[in-house]
Amino acid sequence: MFPIGDTAIRKGRKEGRPVTRVHVTLINFDINMDGQLLEPTLYTVKGMAILDNDGNRILAKYYDKKIFPTSKEQKAFEKNLFNKTHRANAEIIMLDGLTCVYRSNVDLFFYVMGSSHENELILMSVLNCLYDSVSQILRKNVEKRAVLDSLDIVMLAVDEICDGGIILDADASSVVQRVALRTDDIPLGEQTVAQVLQSAKEQLKWSLLK
């Protein structure tokens, strides 16, 4: 709540006129290209993807079933997205009605997608959280082989950042800590599955202790 009209109030008091202090609440609305107000929504992220330096998928999650409902359509979009961005110097692109922010490192490309009217800064905060979380998990060894070796842990991190398109956390440190707790909660009867995660899990614990 923000008070307005302080100057007018002081002037009114000097002149002996009755005055009323008015408060307004600032509400942020999105406006589409036609100038129409859009309903506020928590479903900010349309998709997240990690591709290699050939444009092949390492990991991808899409949260809106209306956008690229089939795996074939998703991979076609990813290939087009990679072709448009792998040699570009920008950090944002509009493609197929989506706002896409991205960054690269060594042989990996990280992408976060939102709707065409989505705030780029919000999407960029999710992108940075994704990258920084992966970097902490892999002890700053952000490259394809390391991600593949720890893919299950990276997938857990993605789920901690975003659920169904709703941003849960944009702080990499807290994401990594929760991922560590989730890997420690695997029941004894599932230890055969846990063995697959063991090497990546140890890397994660070392990164938290550094």
C-alpha atoms as a PDB file:
ATOM      1  CA  MET A   1       0.000   0.000   0.000  1.00  0.00           C
ATOM      2  CA  PHE A   2       1.369   3.375  -0.978  1.00  0.00           C
ATOM      3  CA  PRO A   3       0.084   6.788   0.348  1.00  0.00           C
ATOM      4  CA  ILE A   4      -0.545   9.418  -2.313  1.00  0.00           C
ATOM      5  CA  GLY A   5      -1.360  13.089  -2.313  1.00  0.00           C
ATOM      6  CA  ASP A   6       0.788  14.174   0.674  1.00  0.00           C
ATOM      7  CA  THR A   7       1.388  17.626  -0.819  1.00  0.00           C
ATOM      8  CA  ALA A   8      -2.327  18.110  -1.444  1.00  0.00           C
ATOM      9  CA  ILE A   9      -3.120  16.960   2.094  1.00  0.00           C
ATOM     10  CA  ARG A  10      -0.728  19.472   3.672  1.00  0.00           C
ATOM     11  CA  LYS A  11      -2.107  22.246   1.482  1.00  0.00           C
ATOM     12  CA  GLY A  12      -5.700  21.312   2.380  1.00  0.00           C
ATOM     13  CA  ARG A  13      -4.932  21.379   6.090  1.00  0.00           C
ATOM     14  CA  LYS A  14      -3.407  24.850   5.831  1.00  0.00           C
ATOM     15  CA  GLU A  15      -6.534  26.093   4.065  1.00  0.00           C
ATOM     16  CA  GLY A  16      -8.818  24.499   6.650  1.00  0.00           C
ATOM     17  CA  ARG A  17     -10.422  22.105   4.159  1.00  0.00           C
ATOM     18  CA  PRO A  18     -11.330  18.489   5.104  1.00  0.00           C
ATOM     19  CA  VAL A  19      -8.824  16.058   3.661  1.00  0.00           C
ATOM     20  CA  THR A  20      -8.636  12.303   3.282  1.00  0.00           C
ATOM     21  CA  ARG A  21      -5.520  10.211   2.943  1.00  0.00           C
ATOM     22  CA  VAL A  22      -5.927   7.723   0.086  1.00  0.00           C
ATOM     23  CA  HIS A  23      -3.960   4.484  -0.309  1.00  0.00           C
ATOM     24  CA  VAL A  24      -3.630   2.449  -3.470  1.00  0.00           C
ATOM     25  CA  THR A  25      -2.262  -1.041  -3.999  1.00  0.00           C
ATOM     26  CA  LEU A  26       0.009  -1.528  -7.005  1.00  0.00           C
ATOM     27  CA  ILE A  27      -0.899  -4.604  -9.004  1.00  0.00           C
ATOM     28  CA  ASN A  28       1.212  -5.896 -11.871  1.00  0.00           C
ATOM     29  CA  PHE A  29      -0.748  -6.927 -14.967  1.00  0.00           C
ATOM     30  CA  ASP A  30       0.556  -8.446 -18.195  1.00  0.00           C
ATOM     31  CA  ILE A  31      -0.696  -6.932 -21.434  1.00  0.00           C
ATOM     32  CA  ASN A  32      -0.702  -8.797 -24.731  1.00  0.00           C
ATOM     33  CA  MET A  33       0.116  -7.412 -28.186  1.00  0.00           C
ATOM     34  CA  ASP A  34      -3.510  -6.328 -28.670  1.00  0.00           C
ATOM     35  CA  GLY A  35      -3.418  -4.202 -25.521  1.00  0.00           C
ATOM     36  CA  GLN A  36      -5.664  -6.608 -23.589  1.00  0.00           C
ATOM     37  CA  LEU A  37      -5.019  -7.401 -19.935  1.00  0.00           C
ATOM     38  CA  LEU A  38      -4.052 -11.002 -19.304  1.00  0.00           C
ATOM     39  CA  GLU A  39      -5.082 -12.892 -16.197  1.00  0.00           C
ATOM     40  CA  PRO A  40      -2.228 -13.269 -13.699  1.00  0.00           C
ATOM     41  CA  THR A  41      -0.876 -16.800 -13.519  1.00  0.00           C
ATOM     42  CA  LEU A  42       1.690 -18.782 -11.569  1.00  0.00           C
ATOM     43  CA  TYR A  43       2.433 -20.945 -14.612  1.00  0.00           C
ATOM     44  CA  THR A  44       5.443 -18.958 -15.751  1.00  0.00           C
ATOM     45  CA  VAL A  45       7.690 -21.566 -17.355  1.00  0.00           C
ATOM     46  CA  LYS A  46       6.619 -23.427 -20.482  1.00  0.00           C
ATOM     47  CA  GLY A  47       9.681 -25.628 -20.721  1.00  0.00           C
ATOM     48  CA  MET A  48      13.317 -26.231 -19.783  1.00  0.00           C
ATOM     49  CA  ALA A  49      15.965 -27.995 -21.842  1.00  0.00           C
ATOM     50  CA  ILE A  50      19.633 -28.913 -21.891  1.00  0.00           C
ATOM     51  CA  LEU A  51      21.097 -29.684 -25.327  1.00  0.00           C
ATOM     52  CA  ASP A  52      24.567 -30.735 -26.426  1.00  0.00           C
ATOM     53  CA  ASN A  53      26.680 -28.857 -28.968  1.00  0.00           C
ATOM     54  CA  ASP A  54      25.036 -30.792 -31.821  1.00  0.00           C
ATOM     55  CA  GLY A  55      21.549 -29.760 -30.744  1.00  0.00           C
ATOM     56  CA  ASN A  56      20.686 -33.194 -29.343  1.00  0.00           C
ATOM     57  CA  ARG A  57      18.594 -33.440 -26.203  1.00  0.00           C
ATOM     58  CA  ILE A  58      20.278 -34.226 -22.902  1.00  0.00           C
ATOM     59  CA  LEU A  59      17.265 -33.317 -20.796  1.00  0.00           C
ATOM     60  CA  ALA A  60      13.991 -31.526 -21.530  1.00  0.00           C
ATOM     61  CA  LYS A  61      10.718 -30.929 -19.715  1.00  0.00           C
ATOM     62  CA  TYR A  62       7.617 -29.211 -21.111  1.00  0.00           C
ATOM     63  CA  TYR A  63       4.876 -28.034 -18.779  1.00  0.00           C
ATOM     64  CA  ASP A  64       2.141 -26.900 -21.180  1.00  0.00           C
ATOM     65  CA  LYS A  65       0.457 -29.773 -23.012  1.00  0.00           C
ATOM     66  CA  LYS A  66      -0.870 -27.381 -25.625  1.00  0.00           C
ATOM     67  CA  ILE A  67       2.675 -26.559 -26.741  1.00  0.00           C
ATOM     68  CA  PHE A  68       4.502 -29.321 -28.619  1.00  0.00           C
ATOM     69  CA  PRO A  69       2.330 -32.169 -27.278  1.00  0.00           C
ATOM     70  CA  THR A  70       4.379 -34.914 -28.956  1.00  0.00           C
ATOM     71  CA  SER A  71       8.027 -35.859 -28.587  1.00  0.00           C
ATOM     72  CA  LYS A  72       8.509 -35.375 -32.327  1.00  0.00           C
ATOM     73  CA  GLU A  73       7.271 -31.769 -32.154  1.00  0.00           C
ATOM     74  CA  GLN A  74       9.420 -31.076 -29.101  1.00  0.00           C
ATOM     75  CA  LYS A  75      12.587 -32.345 -30.745  1.00  0.00           C
ATOM     76  CA  ALA A  76      11.827 -30.399 -33.945  1.00  0.00           C
ATOM     77  CA  PHE A  77      11.462 -27.238 -31.848  1.00  0.00           C
ATOM     78  CA  GLU A  78      14.687 -27.985 -29.982  1.00  0.00           C
ATOM     79  CA  LYS A  79      16.609 -28.475 -33.211  1.00  0.00           C
ATOM     80  CA  ASN A  80      15.242 -25.200 -34.589  1.00  0.00           C
ATOM     81  CA  LEU A  81      16.006 -23.434 -31.312  1.00  0.00           C
ATOM     82  CA  PHE A  82      19.574 -24.718 -31.322  1.00  0.00           C
ATOM     83  CA  ASN A  83      20.123 -23.659 -34.947  1.00  0.00           C
ATOM     84  CA  LYS A  84      18.923 -20.140 -34.097  1.00  0.00           C
ATOM     85  CA  THR A  85      21.034 -19.743 -30.967  1.00  0.00           C
ATOM     86  CA  HIS A  86      24.255 -21.775 -31.057  1.00  0.00           C
ATOM     87  CA  ARG A  87      26.158 -19.056 -32.905  1.00  0.00           C
ATOM     88  CA  ALA A  88      24.284 -16.033 -31.555  1.00  0.00           C
ATOM     89  CA  ASN A  89      25.672 -13.628 -28.977  1.00  0.00           C
ATOM     90  CA  ALA A  90      22.293 -12.721 -27.501  1.00  0.00           C
ATOM     91  CA  GLU A  91      20.727 -14.322 -24.429  1.00  0.00           C
ATOM     92  CA  ILE A  92      17.097 -14.182 -25.540  1.00  0.00           C
ATOM     93  CA  ILE A  93      15.112 -15.107 -28.642  1.00  0.00           C
ATOM     94  CA  MET A  94      11.455 -15.183 -29.653  1.00  0.00           C
ATOM     95  CA  LEU A  95      10.638 -18.449 -31.430  1.00  0.00           C
ATOM     96  CA  ASP A  96       7.347 -20.157 -32.264  1.00  0.00           C
ATOM     97  CA  GLY A  97       5.444 -17.815 -29.954  1.00  0.00           C
ATOM     98  CA  LEU A  98       7.758 -18.438 -27.004  1.00  0.00           C
ATOM     99  CA  THR A  99      10.254 -16.255 -25.171  1.00  0.00           C
ATOM    100  CA  CYS A 100      13.434 -18.316 -24.858  1.00  0.00           C
ATOM    101  CA  VAL A 101      16.426 -17.386 -22.699  1.00  0.00           C
ATOM    102  CA  TYR A 102      19.636 -19.376 -22.900  1.00  0.00           C
ATOM    103  CA  ARG A 103      23.294 -19.697 -22.009  1.00  0.00           C
ATOM    104  CA  SER A 104      26.054 -22.114 -22.969  1.00  0.00           C
ATOM    105  CA  ASN A 105      29.154 -23.660 -21.469  1.00  0.00           C
ATOM    106  CA  VAL A 106      31.716 -25.911 -23.168  1.00  0.00           C
ATOM    107  CA  ASP A 107      29.481 -28.399 -25.045  1.00  0.00           C
ATOM    108  CA  LEU A 108      26.134 -27.687 -23.384  1.00  0.00           C
ATOM    109  CA  PHE A 109      23.275 -25.243 -24.019  1.00  0.00           C
ATOM    110  CA  PHE A 110      20.745 -24.421 -21.286  1.00  0.00           C
ATOM    111  CA  TYR A 111      17.288 -23.091 -22.222  1.00  0.00           C
ATOM    112  CA  VAL A 112      14.235 -21.842 -20.341  1.00  0.00           C
ATOM    113  CA  MET A 113      11.040 -21.046 -22.263  1.00  0.00           C
ATOM    114  CA  GLY A 114       8.048 -18.901 -21.352  1.00  0.00           C
ATOM    115  CA  SER A 115       5.072 -17.387 -23.145  1.00  0.00           C
ATOM    116  CA  SER A 116       5.532 -14.511 -25.583  1.00  0.00           C
ATOM    117  CA  HIS A 117       4.454 -11.948 -22.958  1.00  0.00           C
ATOM    118  CA  GLU A 118       6.486 -13.402 -20.074  1.00  0.00           C
ATOM    119  CA  ASN A 119       8.958 -11.244 -18.139  1.00  0.00           C
ATOM    120  CA  GLU A 120      12.448 -12.030 -19.449  1.00  0.00           C
ATOM    121  CA  LEU A 121      14.059 -11.245 -16.087  1.00  0.00           C
ATOM    122  CA  ILE A 122      11.985 -13.900 -14.360  1.00  0.00           C
ATOM    123  CA  LEU A 123      12.897 -16.468 -17.002  1.00  0.00           C
ATOM    124  CA  MET A 124      16.549 -15.452 -16.736  1.00  0.00           C
ATOM    125  CA  SER A 125      16.493 -15.994 -12.961  1.00  0.00           C
ATOM    126  CA  VAL A 126      15.217 -19.540 -13.552  1.00  0.00           C
ATOM    127  CA  LEU A 127      17.893 -20.124 -16.192  1.00  0.00           C
ATOM    128  CA  ASN A 128      20.659 -18.915 -13.881  1.00  0.00           C
ATOM    129  CA  CYS A 129      19.332 -21.102 -11.085  1.00  0.00           C
ATOM    130  CA  LEU A 130      19.315 -24.138 -13.385  1.00  0.00           C
ATOM    131  CA  TYR A 131      22.856 -23.503 -14.568  1.00  0.00           C
ATOM    132  CA  ASP A 132      24.248 -22.707 -11.115  1.00  0.00           C
ATOM    133  CA  SER A 133      22.548 -25.753  -9.588  1.00  0.00           C
ATOM    134  CA  VAL A 134      24.082 -28.033 -12.213  1.00  0.00           C
ATOM    135  CA  SER A 135      27.440 -26.324 -11.716  1.00  0.00           C
ATOM    136  CA  GLN A 136      27.344 -26.960  -7.953  1.00  0.00           C
ATOM    137  CA  ILE A 137      26.226 -30.557  -8.386  1.00  0.00           C
ATOM    138  CA  LEU A 138      29.049 -31.223 -10.857  1.00  0.00           C
ATOM    139  CA  ARG A 139      31.593 -29.168  -8.886  1.00  0.00           C
ATOM    140  CA  LYS A 140      31.823 -26.626 -11.728  1.00  0.00           C
ATOM    141  CA  ASN A 141      32.556 -29.354 -14.288  1.00  0.00           C
ATOM    142  CA  VAL A 142      29.632 -28.323 -16.515  1.00  0.00           C
ATOM    143  CA  GLU A 143      30.046 -30.464 -19.613  1.00  0.00           C
ATOM    144  CA  LYS A 144      28.120 -33.180 -21.412  1.00  0.00           C
ATOM    145  CA  ARG A 145      29.862 -36.254 -19.982  1.00  0.00           C
ATOM    146  CA  ALA A 146      29.531 -35.012 -16.401  1.00  0.00           C
ATOM    147  CA  VAL A 147      25.834 -34.205 -16.862  1.00  0.00           C
ATOM    148  CA  LEU A 148      25.140 -37.645 -18.352  1.00  0.00           C
ATOM    149  CA  ASP A 149      26.966 -39.314 -15.456  1.00  0.00           C
ATOM    150  CA  SER A 150      24.798 -37.377 -12.962  1.00  0.00           C
ATOM    151  CA  LEU A 151      21.624 -37.104 -15.033  1.00  0.00           C
ATOM    152  CA  ASP A 152      19.278 -38.392 -12.319  1.00  0.00           C
ATOM    153  CA  ILE A 153      20.573 -35.798  -9.873  1.00  0.00           C
ATOM    154  CA  VAL A 154      20.223 -33.050 -12.468  1.00  0.00           C
ATOM    155  CA  MET A 155      16.630 -34.160 -13.105  1.00  0.00           C
ATOM    156  CA  LEU A 156      15.901 -33.857  -9.382  1.00  0.00           C
ATOM    157  CA  ALA A 157      17.298 -30.325  -9.453  1.00  0.00           C
ATOM    158  CA  VAL A 158      15.019 -29.410 -12.363  1.00  0.00           C
ATOM    159  CA  ASP A 159      12.019 -30.702 -10.394  1.00  0.00           C
ATOM    160  CA  GLU A 160      13.058 -28.631  -7.377  1.00  0.00           C
ATOM    161  CA  ILE A 161      13.257 -25.473  -9.501  1.00  0.00           C
ATOM    162  CA  CYS A 162       9.974 -25.832 -11.354  1.00  0.00           C
ATOM    163  CA  ASP A 163       6.866 -27.970 -10.912  1.00  0.00           C
ATOM    164  CA  GLY A 164       4.270 -28.019 -13.661  1.00  0.00           C
ATOM    165  CA  GLY A 165       5.425 -24.610 -14.899  1.00  0.00           C
ATOM    166  CA  ILE A 166       5.294 -22.995 -11.433  1.00  0.00           C
ATOM    167  CA  ILE A 167       8.619 -21.661 -10.167  1.00  0.00           C
ATOM    168  CA  LEU A 168       9.409 -23.243  -6.798  1.00  0.00           C
ATOM    169  CA  ASP A 169      12.873 -21.846  -6.178  1.00  0.00           C
ATOM    170  CA  ALA A 170      15.390 -19.617  -7.953  1.00  0.00           C
ATOM    171  CA  ASP A 171      18.209 -19.990  -5.440  1.00  0.00           C
ATOM    172  CA  ALA A 172      20.749 -22.593  -6.555  1.00  0.00           C
ATOM    173  CA  SER A 173      22.145 -23.275  -3.074  1.00  0.00           C
ATOM    174  CA  SER A 174      18.772 -24.188  -1.565  1.00  0.00           C
ATOM    175  CA  VAL A 175      17.920 -26.295  -4.634  1.00  0.00           C
ATOM    176  CA  VAL A 176      21.135 -28.296  -4.271  1.00  0.00           C
ATOM    177  CA  GLN A 177      20.572 -28.788  -0.539  1.00  0.00           C
ATOM    178  CA  ARG A 178      17.062 -30.154  -1.102  1.00  0.00           C
ATOM    179  CA  VAL A 179      18.308 -32.461  -3.849  1.00  0.00           C
ATOM    180  CA  ALA A 180      20.893 -33.841  -1.414  1.00  0.00           C
ATOM    181  CA  LEU A 181      18.133 -34.540   1.129  1.00  0.00           C
ATOM    182  CA  ARG A 182      15.978 -36.285  -1.466  1.00  0.00           C
ATOM    183  CA  THR A 183      18.791 -38.619  -2.537  1.00  0.00           C
ATOM    184  CA  ASP A 184      19.434 -39.483   1.124  1.00  0.00           C
ATOM    185  CA  ASP A 185      15.768 -40.451   1.618  1.00  0.00           C
ATOM    186  CA  ILE A 186      15.860 -43.465  -0.727  1.00  0.00           C
ATOM    187  CA  PRO A 187      14.436 -46.474   1.195  1.00  0.00           C
ATOM    188  CA  LEU A 188      16.651 -49.449   1.991  1.00  0.00           C
ATOM    189  CA  GLY A 189      14.644 -51.722  -0.300  1.00  0.00           C
ATOM    190  CA  GLU A 190      15.532 -49.544  -3.289  1.00  0.00           C
ATOM    191  CA  GLN A 191      19.278 -49.567  -2.796  1.00  0.00           C
ATOM    192  CA  THR A 192      19.794 -51.393  -6.103  1.00  0.00           C
ATOM    193  CA  VAL A 193      18.382 -48.338  -7.853  1.00  0.00           C
ATOM    194  CA  ALA A 194      20.400 -46.047  -5.584  1.00  0.00           C
ATOM    195  CA  GLN A 195      23.613 -47.627  -6.776  1.00  0.00           C
ATOM    196  CA  VAL A 196      23.044 -45.979 -10.142  1.00  0.00           C
ATOM    197  CA  LEU A 197      22.992 -42.611  -8.377  1.00  0.00           C
ATOM    198  CA  GLN A 198      25.893 -43.241  -6.026  1.00  0.00           C
ATOM    199  CA  SER A 199      28.779 -41.606  -7.899  1.00  0.00           C
ATOM    200  CA  ALA A 200      26.752 -38.464  -8.669  1.00  0.00           C
ATOM    201  CA  LYS A 201      25.487 -38.400  -5.081  1.00  0.00           C
ATOM    202  CA  GLU A 202      29.036 -38.404  -3.723  1.00  0.00           C
ATOM    203  CA  GLN A 203      29.976 -35.551  -6.045  1.00  0.00           C
ATOM    204  CA  LEU A 204      27.002 -33.586  -4.747  1.00  0.00           C
ATOM    205  CA  LYS A 205      27.958 -34.115  -1.088  1.00  0.00           C
ATOM    206  CA  TRP A 206      31.523 -33.006  -1.739  1.00  0.00           C
ATOM    207  CA  SER A 207      30.263 -29.861  -3.471  1.00  0.00           C
ATOM    208  CA  LEU A 208      28.159 -29.005  -0.406  1.00  0.00           C
ATOM    209  CA  LEU A 209      31.110 -29.502   1.933  1.00  0.00           C
ATOM    210  CA  LYS A 210      33.463 -27.258  -0.054  1.00  0.00           C
END
